[in-house]
Amino acid sequence: MLQNLYDQDFYAWVEQTTEILKSQHWDKLDLEHLIEEVVDLGKSQQRALQSALRLVLSHLLKWKYQPERRSHSWQVTITHERLNLDELMQESPSLRRFLNDAEWINTTYQRARREAIVETNVEDDNFPIVCPFTVDEILDLDFLS
C-alpha cells in the first residue's frame, strides 16, 4: 500500500512515512524507498557542495586569467558560493572530507575549468590542468588571486 503511494503521490508518501516514523510503527514502513530517499539526501548534499565549489573555481580562474574582464559580479559570485560552502560544512561537517579528496577536487576542478574556457573564449592551454588553488585559498573569503 505505502509502496504504491510512493509512485503515485510522492508527497503523500512522505507525509504518511513521517506519521509512521513518529508513531514508531516500524513494520509499516516502506523501507526500500525510505533507504533510497535517505541515500539521495546524502548525494544531494554532496552535489550542493560540488556545485558551489565548481562556481568558486570557475570564477577564480576567470578572475586570475582574464583580469581585464574582472567584475563586481564575479566577486559577488565567489563570495556567495564560498558562504554556501561554509554553510554546507557547518550543517554537515563530514562533507569536509570531500575537500580533502584530491580526486574529488580534481573532478570538480576539471568541470570548472571547462566552464571557464567556454565562458571566456580563452584557449584551454591558458588554464592549468591541475587546480592552481589550495583548499584554504578556495575557502578564504578574502582570497582572489
Protein backbone atom coordinates (compact mmCIF):
# COMPACT_ATOMS: atom_id res chain seq x y z
CA MET A 1 0.00 0.00 0.00
CA LEU A 2 2.62 2.56 1.05
CA GLN A 3 4.97 1.30 -1.69
CA ASN A 4 2.32 2.03 -4.35
CA LEU A 5 1.80 5.51 -2.95
CA TYR A 6 5.49 6.26 -3.49
CA ASP A 7 4.99 6.01 -7.28
CA GLN A 8 1.55 7.64 -7.35
CA ASP A 9 1.96 10.62 -4.99
CA PHE A 10 5.42 11.18 -3.56
CA TYR A 11 4.40 13.99 -1.22
CA ALA A 12 1.58 11.90 0.28
CA TRP A 13 4.14 9.08 0.72
CA VAL A 14 6.41 11.49 2.63
CA GLU A 15 3.55 12.61 4.88
CA GLN A 16 2.46 9.05 5.66
CA THR A 17 6.05 7.89 6.19
CA THR A 18 6.58 10.79 8.62
CA GLU A 19 3.48 9.79 10.58
CA ILE A 20 4.58 6.15 10.68
CA LEU A 21 8.03 7.18 11.93
CA LYS A 22 6.51 9.43 14.60
CA SER A 23 4.21 6.67 15.78
CA GLN A 24 7.10 4.17 15.67
CA HIS A 25 5.14 1.58 13.67
CA TRP A 26 8.32 0.24 12.11
CA ASP A 27 6.61 -2.73 10.47
CA LYS A 28 4.51 -0.38 8.29
CA LEU A 29 7.49 1.44 6.78
CA ASP A 30 8.32 1.22 3.10
CA LEU A 31 11.98 0.52 3.90
CA GLU A 32 13.13 0.08 0.30
CA HIS A 33 12.03 3.57 -0.73
CA LEU A 34 12.92 5.14 2.62
CA ILE A 35 16.51 3.90 2.31
CA GLU A 36 16.63 5.16 -1.28
CA GLU A 37 15.47 8.62 -0.17
CA VAL A 38 17.98 8.82 2.69
CA VAL A 39 20.81 7.90 0.30
CA ASP A 40 19.55 10.56 -2.12
CA LEU A 41 19.63 13.16 0.67
CA GLY A 42 23.33 12.46 1.18
CA LYS A 43 24.00 12.66 -2.55
CA SER A 44 22.10 15.93 -2.70
CA GLN A 45 24.37 17.45 -0.05
CA GLN A 46 27.44 16.29 -1.95
CA ARG A 47 26.07 17.76 -5.22
CA ALA A 48 25.40 21.08 -3.48
CA LEU A 49 28.98 21.13 -2.20
CA GLN A 50 30.35 20.27 -5.64
CA SER A 51 28.18 22.87 -7.37
CA ALA A 52 29.29 25.67 -5.04
CA LEU A 53 32.93 24.59 -5.34
CA ARG A 54 32.71 24.46 -9.14
CA LEU A 55 31.33 28.01 -9.24
CA VAL A 56 34.06 29.32 -6.93
CA LEU A 57 36.76 27.62 -9.00
CA SER A 58 35.44 28.75 -12.39
CA HIS A 59 35.14 32.34 -11.20
CA LEU A 60 38.59 32.27 -9.57
CA LEU A 61 40.00 31.04 -12.89
CA LYS A 62 38.25 33.80 -14.79
CA TRP A 63 39.44 36.33 -12.21
CA LYS A 64 43.05 35.16 -12.45
CA TYR A 65 43.37 34.51 -16.18
CA GLN A 66 41.13 37.24 -17.58
CA PRO A 67 41.97 40.24 -15.38
CA GLU A 68 40.78 42.76 -17.96
CA ARG A 69 37.22 41.41 -17.60
CA ARG A 70 37.07 41.34 -13.80
CA SER A 71 33.74 42.48 -12.46
CA HIS A 72 31.96 43.09 -9.23
CA SER A 73 29.54 40.37 -10.29
CA TRP A 74 32.34 37.78 -10.37
CA GLN A 75 33.45 38.85 -6.91
CA VAL A 76 29.88 38.61 -5.61
CA THR A 77 29.51 35.09 -7.04
CA ILE A 78 32.79 33.96 -5.49
CA THR A 79 31.78 35.33 -2.09
CA HIS A 80 28.25 33.97 -2.31
CA GLU A 81 29.40 30.46 -3.18
CA ARG A 82 32.13 30.50 -0.53
CA LEU A 83 29.46 31.33 2.02
CA ASN A 84 27.36 28.47 0.64
CA LEU A 85 30.35 26.14 1.08
CA ASP A 86 30.78 27.34 4.64
CA GLU A 87 27.08 26.86 5.44
CA LEU A 88 27.06 23.36 3.97
CA MET A 89 30.08 22.35 6.03
CA GLN A 90 28.64 23.96 9.18
CA GLU A 91 25.44 21.94 8.74
CA SER A 92 27.28 18.75 7.76
CA PRO A 93 30.93 18.81 8.89
CA SER A 94 31.53 15.37 7.38
CA LEU A 95 31.27 16.96 3.91
CA ARG A 96 34.71 18.50 4.51
CA ARG A 97 36.28 15.13 3.72
CA PHE A 98 35.46 15.71 0.05
CA LEU A 99 37.64 18.83 0.08
CA ASN A 100 40.50 16.64 1.33
CA ASP A 101 40.00 14.16 -1.51
CA ALA A 102 42.39 15.08 -4.34
CA GLU A 103 40.47 13.03 -6.92
CA TRP A 104 37.14 14.64 -5.98
CA ILE A 105 38.69 18.13 -6.10
CA ASN A 106 40.29 17.32 -9.47
CA THR A 107 36.98 16.14 -10.94
CA THR A 108 35.28 19.32 -9.77
CA TYR A 109 38.18 21.47 -10.99
CA GLN A 110 38.07 19.90 -14.47
CA ARG A 111 34.39 20.81 -14.74
CA ALA A 112 35.10 24.35 -13.50
CA ARG A 113 37.99 24.65 -15.94
CA ARG A 114 35.77 23.58 -18.85
CA GLU A 115 33.14 26.08 -17.75
CA ALA A 116 35.71 28.89 -17.57
CA ILE A 117 37.08 28.01 -21.01
CA VAL A 118 33.62 28.17 -22.57
CA GLU A 119 32.65 31.38 -20.77
CA THR A 120 35.87 33.26 -21.53
CA ASN A 121 36.75 32.03 -25.04
CA VAL A 122 40.33 31.79 -23.74
CA GLU A 123 42.37 28.91 -25.17
CA ASP A 124 42.25 25.90 -22.89
CA ASP A 125 46.03 25.67 -22.59
CA ASN A 126 45.95 29.02 -20.75
CA PHE A 127 44.20 27.35 -17.83
CA PRO A 128 46.28 24.96 -15.71
CA ILE A 129 45.47 21.27 -15.97
CA VAL A 130 45.87 20.92 -12.19
CA CYS A 131 43.95 23.15 -9.79
CA PRO A 132 46.16 26.16 -9.05
CA PHE A 133 44.37 26.94 -5.77
CA THR A 134 44.70 25.31 -2.38
CA VAL A 135 41.61 24.38 -0.39
CA ASP A 136 42.45 27.18 2.06
CA GLU A 137 42.56 29.69 -0.80
CA ILE A 138 39.31 28.39 -2.25
CA LEU A 139 37.53 28.86 1.08
CA ASP A 140 39.20 32.14 2.09
CA LEU A 141 36.63 34.94 1.79
CA ASP A 142 39.37 37.47 1.04
CA PHE A 143 41.45 35.50 -1.47
CA LEU A 144 41.02 36.33 -5.16
CA SER A 145 44.35 35.51 -6.83
